[in-house]
């Protein structure tokens, strides 16, 4: 059964609301219920270091649990959203702000560059909509710069400092490219289900 734009917009509004609630209480794990049981969620740090969570519970414990540790007070405000009901996809573009003020500028420390999340939406057997997959992108160089600037300011909370000291490659959910349990591009896109321009000959 196709998805209507109105259905997807209603689902998206509920996603924005749970994001705000998660930020308010400092627990992103409550957002996991918006994902299908077999959903995948990944992003790339470097060409040979990737994160990938497989299934709702890994998303809960790793993607929005472990990977959000030390980011209390941060907020991810969506600046623009694009919805395509034909492909059942949503692209949301967000800014990452720390909630920590730079004394020199009076502004929050912010990770520059364009960040966002790309979602696939599917209807479940019970009729509810859930995210089937999510892939994020962000500017890793800007992230490192902002983390170091906060640390240098003396304003970094201990949780953020602890996060910065962790060897990411040793954490659950981090993979070399060859070992990824799902595809870098979302599975239906990697299969070619949505090709809009054939490769040049």
C-alpha atoms as a PDB file:
ATOM      1  CA  UNK A   1       0.000   0.000   0.000  1.00  0.00           C
ATOM      2  CA  UNK A   2       1.543   3.346  -1.025  1.00  0.00           C
ATOM      3  CA  UNK A   3       2.324   6.018   1.525  1.00  0.00           C
ATOM      4  CA  UNK A   4       0.640   9.388   1.216  1.00  0.00           C
ATOM      5  CA  UNK A   5       2.481  12.627   1.739  1.00  0.00           C
ATOM      6  CA  UNK A   6       0.102  13.499   4.584  1.00  0.00           C
ATOM      7  CA  UNK A   7       1.000  10.258   6.379  1.00  0.00           C
ATOM      8  CA  UNK A   8       4.720  10.861   6.001  1.00  0.00           C
ATOM      9  CA  UNK A   9       4.407  14.484   7.140  1.00  0.00           C
ATOM     10  CA  UNK A  10       2.481  13.392  10.251  1.00  0.00           C
ATOM     11  CA  UNK A  11       5.125  10.761  11.012  1.00  0.00           C
ATOM     12  CA  UNK A  12       7.893  13.338  10.512  1.00  0.00           C
ATOM     13  CA  UNK A  13       6.216  15.796  12.884  1.00  0.00           C
ATOM     14  CA  UNK A  14       6.133  13.075  15.527  1.00  0.00           C
ATOM     15  CA  UNK A  15       9.856  12.499  14.900  1.00  0.00           C
ATOM     16  CA  UNK A  16      10.646  16.180  15.429  1.00  0.00           C
ATOM     17  CA  UNK A  17       8.631  16.117  18.649  1.00  0.00           C
ATOM     18  CA  UNK A  18      10.441  13.066  20.060  1.00  0.00           C
ATOM     19  CA  UNK A  19      13.791  14.661  19.153  1.00  0.00           C
ATOM     20  CA  UNK A  20      12.905  17.684  21.282  1.00  0.00           C
ATOM     21  CA  UNK A  21      11.768  15.474  24.159  1.00  0.00           C
ATOM     22  CA  UNK A  22      14.988  13.448  23.964  1.00  0.00           C
ATOM     23  CA  UNK A  23      17.048  16.636  24.120  1.00  0.00           C
ATOM     24  CA  UNK A  24      14.955  17.916  27.031  1.00  0.00           C
ATOM     25  CA  UNK A  25      15.429  14.820  29.198  1.00  0.00           C
ATOM     26  CA  UNK A  26      18.943  13.984  27.963  1.00  0.00           C
ATOM     27  CA  UNK A  27      18.053  10.498  26.729  1.00  0.00           C
ATOM     28  CA  UNK A  28      18.097   9.869  22.990  1.00  0.00           C
ATOM     29  CA  UNK A  29      17.251   6.189  23.433  1.00  0.00           C
ATOM     30  CA  UNK A  30      13.537   6.996  23.511  1.00  0.00           C
ATOM     31  CA  UNK A  31      13.805   7.737  19.777  1.00  0.00           C
ATOM     32  CA  UNK A  32      14.492   4.080  18.936  1.00  0.00           C
ATOM     33  CA  UNK A  33      10.799   3.240  18.798  1.00  0.00           C
ATOM     34  CA  UNK A  34      10.529   5.223  15.542  1.00  0.00           C
ATOM     35  CA  UNK A  35      12.621   2.550  13.771  1.00  0.00           C
ATOM     36  CA  UNK A  36      11.525  -0.759  12.279  1.00  0.00           C
ATOM     37  CA  UNK A  37      12.671  -3.854  14.130  1.00  0.00           C
ATOM     38  CA  UNK A  38      15.139  -4.681  11.332  1.00  0.00           C
ATOM     39  CA  UNK A  39      16.192  -1.113  10.486  1.00  0.00           C
ATOM     40  CA  UNK A  40      19.794  -0.147   9.750  1.00  0.00           C
ATOM     41  CA  UNK A  41      21.486   3.110  10.756  1.00  0.00           C
ATOM     42  CA  UNK A  42      24.969   4.123   9.690  1.00  0.00           C
ATOM     43  CA  UNK A  43      27.442   6.869   8.894  1.00  0.00           C
ATOM     44  CA  UNK A  44      31.040   7.253   7.766  1.00  0.00           C
ATOM     45  CA  UNK A  45      33.940   8.658   9.779  1.00  0.00           C
ATOM     46  CA  UNK A  46      36.624   7.958   7.173  1.00  0.00           C
ATOM     47  CA  UNK A  47      36.636   5.832   4.005  1.00  0.00           C
ATOM     48  CA  UNK A  48      37.721   2.857   6.130  1.00  0.00           C
ATOM     49  CA  UNK A  49      35.974   3.602   9.424  1.00  0.00           C
ATOM     50  CA  UNK A  50      32.222   3.358   9.508  1.00  0.00           C
ATOM     51  CA  UNK A  51      29.504   3.017  12.096  1.00  0.00           C
ATOM     52  CA  UNK A  52      26.560   0.691  11.510  1.00  0.00           C
ATOM     53  CA  UNK A  53      23.763  -0.440  13.816  1.00  0.00           C
ATOM     54  CA  UNK A  54      21.613  -3.384  12.734  1.00  0.00           C
ATOM     55  CA  UNK A  55      18.107  -3.599  14.154  1.00  0.00           C
ATOM     56  CA  UNK A  56      16.108  -1.430  16.520  1.00  0.00           C
ATOM     57  CA  UNK A  57      17.870  -2.553  19.686  1.00  0.00           C
ATOM     58  CA  UNK A  58      21.362  -1.883  18.310  1.00  0.00           C
ATOM     59  CA  UNK A  59      20.096   1.510  17.199  1.00  0.00           C
ATOM     60  CA  UNK A  60      18.839   2.102  20.737  1.00  0.00           C
ATOM     61  CA  UNK A  61      21.987   0.907  22.512  1.00  0.00           C
ATOM     62  CA  UNK A  62      24.695   1.956  20.054  1.00  0.00           C
ATOM     63  CA  UNK A  63      23.602   4.628  17.546  1.00  0.00           C
ATOM     64  CA  UNK A  64      21.606   6.778  19.961  1.00  0.00           C
ATOM     65  CA  UNK A  65      23.074   5.365  23.155  1.00  0.00           C
ATOM     66  CA  UNK A  66      26.817   4.770  23.040  1.00  0.00           C
ATOM     67  CA  UNK A  67      27.462   7.206  20.182  1.00  0.00           C
ATOM     68  CA  UNK A  68      25.628  10.066  21.897  1.00  0.00           C
ATOM     69  CA  UNK A  69      27.521   9.689  25.170  1.00  0.00           C
ATOM     70  CA  UNK A  70      29.128  12.952  26.268  1.00  0.00           C
ATOM     71  CA  UNK A  71      26.802  15.084  24.143  1.00  0.00           C
ATOM     72  CA  UNK A  72      24.410  16.120  26.904  1.00  0.00           C
ATOM     73  CA  UNK A  73      23.049  19.569  26.187  1.00  0.00           C
ATOM     74  CA  UNK A  74      23.760  19.375  22.469  1.00  0.00           C
ATOM     75  CA  UNK A  75      20.854  20.001  20.113  1.00  0.00           C
ATOM     76  CA  UNK A  76      20.318  19.056  16.492  1.00  0.00           C
ATOM     77  CA  UNK A  77      17.921  21.559  14.999  1.00  0.00           C
ATOM     78  CA  UNK A  78      16.500  20.653  11.606  1.00  0.00           C
ATOM     79  CA  UNK A  79      16.930  23.593   9.242  1.00  0.00           C
ATOM     80  CA  UNK A  80      15.144  22.124   6.236  1.00  0.00           C
ATOM     81  CA  UNK A  81      13.318  18.946   5.280  1.00  0.00           C
ATOM     82  CA  UNK A  82      12.681  17.331   1.911  1.00  0.00           C
ATOM     83  CA  UNK A  83       9.993  14.645   1.608  1.00  0.00           C
ATOM     84  CA  UNK A  84       9.505  12.386  -1.402  1.00  0.00           C
ATOM     85  CA  UNK A  85       6.416  10.273  -0.948  1.00  0.00           C
ATOM     86  CA  UNK A  86       7.007   8.389  -4.217  1.00  0.00           C
ATOM     87  CA  UNK A  87      10.368   7.024  -3.062  1.00  0.00           C
ATOM     88  CA  UNK A  88       9.230   6.987   0.608  1.00  0.00           C
ATOM     89  CA  UNK A  89      12.290   9.007   1.636  1.00  0.00           C
ATOM     90  CA  UNK A  90      12.987  11.992   3.851  1.00  0.00           C
ATOM     91  CA  UNK A  91      16.134  14.122   3.961  1.00  0.00           C
ATOM     92  CA  UNK A  92      16.541  16.328   7.023  1.00  0.00           C
ATOM     93  CA  UNK A  93      19.329  18.903   7.288  1.00  0.00           C
ATOM     94  CA  UNK A  94      20.418  19.798  10.817  1.00  0.00           C
ATOM     95  CA  UNK A  95      22.854  22.038  12.663  1.00  0.00           C
ATOM     96  CA  UNK A  96      24.822  20.612  15.583  1.00  0.00           C
ATOM     97  CA  UNK A  97      25.052  23.078  18.471  1.00  0.00           C
ATOM     98  CA  UNK A  98      26.678  22.332  21.801  1.00  0.00           C
ATOM     99  CA  UNK A  99      24.711  24.377  24.307  1.00  0.00           C
ATOM    100  CA  UNK A 100      28.109  25.734  25.455  1.00  0.00           C
ATOM    101  CA  UNK A 101      28.808  29.431  24.884  1.00  0.00           C
ATOM    102  CA  UNK A 102      32.035  30.744  23.390  1.00  0.00           C
ATOM    103  CA  UNK A 103      33.048  33.688  25.627  1.00  0.00           C
ATOM    104  CA  UNK A 104      34.748  35.457  22.720  1.00  0.00           C
ATOM    105  CA  UNK A 105      31.748  35.492  20.392  1.00  0.00           C
ATOM    106  CA  UNK A 106      28.842  35.028  22.781  1.00  0.00           C
ATOM    107  CA  UNK A 107      27.563  32.305  20.462  1.00  0.00           C
ATOM    108  CA  UNK A 108      27.178  28.575  21.034  1.00  0.00           C
ATOM    109  CA  UNK A 109      29.980  26.369  19.831  1.00  0.00           C
ATOM    110  CA  UNK A 110      28.656  24.856  16.612  1.00  0.00           C
ATOM    111  CA  UNK A 111      29.903  22.215  14.219  1.00  0.00           C
ATOM    112  CA  UNK A 112      30.082  23.954  10.862  1.00  0.00           C
ATOM    113  CA  UNK A 113      29.429  22.342   7.528  1.00  0.00           C
ATOM    114  CA  UNK A 114      26.182  20.793   6.382  1.00  0.00           C
ATOM    115  CA  UNK A 115      24.948  17.835   8.397  1.00  0.00           C
ATOM    116  CA  UNK A 116      21.890  15.727   7.930  1.00  0.00           C
ATOM    117  CA  UNK A 117      20.035  12.458   7.970  1.00  0.00           C
ATOM    118  CA  UNK A 118      18.553  10.512   5.059  1.00  0.00           C
ATOM    119  CA  UNK A 119      15.664   8.216   5.964  1.00  0.00           C
ATOM    120  CA  UNK A 120      13.622   5.512   4.289  1.00  0.00           C
ATOM    121  CA  UNK A 121      10.062   5.141   5.567  1.00  0.00           C
ATOM    122  CA  UNK A 122       7.994   1.962   5.433  1.00  0.00           C
ATOM    123  CA  UNK A 123       4.600   0.787   6.609  1.00  0.00           C
ATOM    124  CA  UNK A 124       4.624  -2.013   9.166  1.00  0.00           C
ATOM    125  CA  UNK A 125       2.199  -4.937   9.288  1.00  0.00           C
ATOM    126  CA  UNK A 126       0.137  -3.086  11.890  1.00  0.00           C
ATOM    127  CA  UNK A 127      -0.151  -0.040   9.609  1.00  0.00           C
ATOM    128  CA  UNK A 128       2.268   2.155  11.557  1.00  0.00           C
ATOM    129  CA  UNK A 129       5.070   3.996   9.799  1.00  0.00           C
ATOM    130  CA  UNK A 130       8.677   3.398  10.860  1.00  0.00           C
ATOM    131  CA  UNK A 131      12.139   4.227   9.569  1.00  0.00           C
ATOM    132  CA  UNK A 132      13.516   1.280   7.575  1.00  0.00           C
ATOM    133  CA  UNK A 133      16.990   2.825   7.359  1.00  0.00           C
ATOM    134  CA  UNK A 134      18.911   5.983   8.153  1.00  0.00           C
ATOM    135  CA  UNK A 135      22.225   7.286   6.892  1.00  0.00           C
ATOM    136  CA  UNK A 136      23.867  10.416   8.344  1.00  0.00           C
ATOM    137  CA  UNK A 137      26.517  12.750   7.000  1.00  0.00           C
ATOM    138  CA  UNK A 138      28.519  15.478   8.732  1.00  0.00           C
ATOM    139  CA  UNK A 139      31.808  17.343   8.481  1.00  0.00           C
ATOM    140  CA  UNK A 140      34.284  15.268  10.506  1.00  0.00           C
ATOM    141  CA  UNK A 141      37.045  17.895  10.305  1.00  0.00           C
ATOM    142  CA  UNK A 142      34.732  20.580  11.658  1.00  0.00           C
ATOM    143  CA  UNK A 143      33.546  18.210  14.394  1.00  0.00           C
ATOM    144  CA  UNK A 144      37.117  17.631  15.578  1.00  0.00           C
ATOM    145  CA  UNK A 145      37.859  21.367  15.414  1.00  0.00           C
ATOM    146  CA  UNK A 146      34.810  22.251  17.519  1.00  0.00           C
ATOM    147  CA  UNK A 147      35.470  19.528  20.106  1.00  0.00           C
ATOM    148  CA  UNK A 148      39.055  20.760  20.501  1.00  0.00           C
ATOM    149  CA  UNK A 149      37.925  24.383  20.752  1.00  0.00           C
ATOM    150  CA  UNK A 150      35.512  23.479  23.554  1.00  0.00           C
ATOM    151  CA  UNK A 151      38.204  21.471  25.339  1.00  0.00           C
ATOM    152  CA  UNK A 152      40.661  24.373  25.031  1.00  0.00           C
ATOM    153  CA  UNK A 153      38.112  26.799  26.444  1.00  0.00           C
ATOM    154  CA  UNK A 154      38.012  24.920  29.749  1.00  0.00           C
ATOM    155  CA  UNK A 155      34.236  24.583  29.391  1.00  0.00           C
ATOM    156  CA  UNK A 156      34.091  20.984  28.224  1.00  0.00           C
ATOM    157  CA  UNK A 157      32.084  18.775  30.586  1.00  0.00           C
ATOM    158  CA  UNK A 158      33.841  15.614  31.724  1.00  0.00           C
ATOM    159  CA  UNK A 159      31.534  13.488  29.611  1.00  0.00           C
ATOM    160  CA  UNK A 160      32.702  15.193  26.428  1.00  0.00           C
ATOM    161  CA  UNK A 161      36.354  14.884  27.435  1.00  0.00           C
ATOM    162  CA  UNK A 162      35.824  11.197  28.143  1.00  0.00           C
ATOM    163  CA  UNK A 163      34.223  10.767  24.732  1.00  0.00           C
ATOM    164  CA  UNK A 164      37.142  12.476  23.016  1.00  0.00           C
ATOM    165  CA  UNK A 165      39.550  10.066  24.709  1.00  0.00           C
ATOM    166  CA  UNK A 166      37.788   6.935  23.405  1.00  0.00           C
ATOM    167  CA  UNK A 167      39.347   4.951  20.561  1.00  0.00           C
ATOM    168  CA  UNK A 168      36.375   4.843  18.223  1.00  0.00           C
ATOM    169  CA  UNK A 169      37.564   1.828  16.255  1.00  0.00           C
ATOM    170  CA  UNK A 170      37.450  -0.286  19.425  1.00  0.00           C
ATOM    171  CA  UNK A 171      33.771   0.455  20.074  1.00  0.00           C
ATOM    172  CA  UNK A 172      30.861  -1.833  19.151  1.00  0.00           C
ATOM    173  CA  UNK A 173      29.264  -0.850  15.855  1.00  0.00           C
ATOM    174  CA  UNK A 174      32.504   0.471  14.318  1.00  0.00           C
ATOM    175  CA  UNK A 175      33.662  -1.384  11.220  1.00  0.00           C
ATOM    176  CA  UNK A 176      36.262  -1.411   8.509  1.00  0.00           C
ATOM    177  CA  UNK A 177      34.611  -0.931   5.125  1.00  0.00           C
ATOM    178  CA  UNK A 178      35.106  -4.557   4.120  1.00  0.00           C
ATOM    179  CA  UNK A 179      33.417  -5.776   7.319  1.00  0.00           C
ATOM    180  CA  UNK A 180      30.269  -3.628   7.220  1.00  0.00           C
ATOM    181  CA  UNK A 181      27.111  -5.644   7.999  1.00  0.00           C
ATOM    182  CA  UNK A 182      24.997  -3.366   5.777  1.00  0.00           C
ATOM    183  CA  UNK A 183      25.754  -1.161   2.798  1.00  0.00           C
ATOM    184  CA  UNK A 184      27.143   2.385   3.003  1.00  0.00           C
ATOM    185  CA  UNK A 185      24.341   3.544   0.718  1.00  0.00           C
ATOM    186  CA  UNK A 186      20.925   2.410   2.006  1.00  0.00           C
ATOM    187  CA  UNK A 187      20.165  -1.133   0.795  1.00  0.00           C
ATOM    188  CA  UNK A 188      17.412  -0.260  -1.732  1.00  0.00           C
ATOM    189  CA  UNK A 189      19.543   2.534  -3.168  1.00  0.00           C
ATOM    190  CA  UNK A 190      22.601   0.283  -3.381  1.00  0.00           C
ATOM    191  CA  UNK A 191      20.435  -2.272  -5.231  1.00  0.00           C
ATOM    192  CA  UNK A 192      19.632   0.380  -7.824  1.00  0.00           C
ATOM    193  CA  UNK A 193      15.919   0.684  -7.045  1.00  0.00           C
ATOM    194  CA  UNK A 194      15.978   4.480  -7.417  1.00  0.00           C
ATOM    195  CA  UNK A 195      18.580   5.167 -10.106  1.00  0.00           C
ATOM    196  CA  UNK A 196      17.799   8.486 -11.782  1.00  0.00           C
ATOM    197  CA  UNK A 197      20.886   8.768 -13.991  1.00  0.00           C
ATOM    198  CA  UNK A 198      22.771   5.903 -15.531  1.00  0.00           C
ATOM    199  CA  UNK A 199      26.559   5.883 -15.255  1.00  0.00           C
ATOM    200  CA  UNK A 200      28.400   7.530 -18.118  1.00  0.00           C
ATOM    201  CA  UNK A 201      29.749   5.110 -20.710  1.00  0.00           C
END
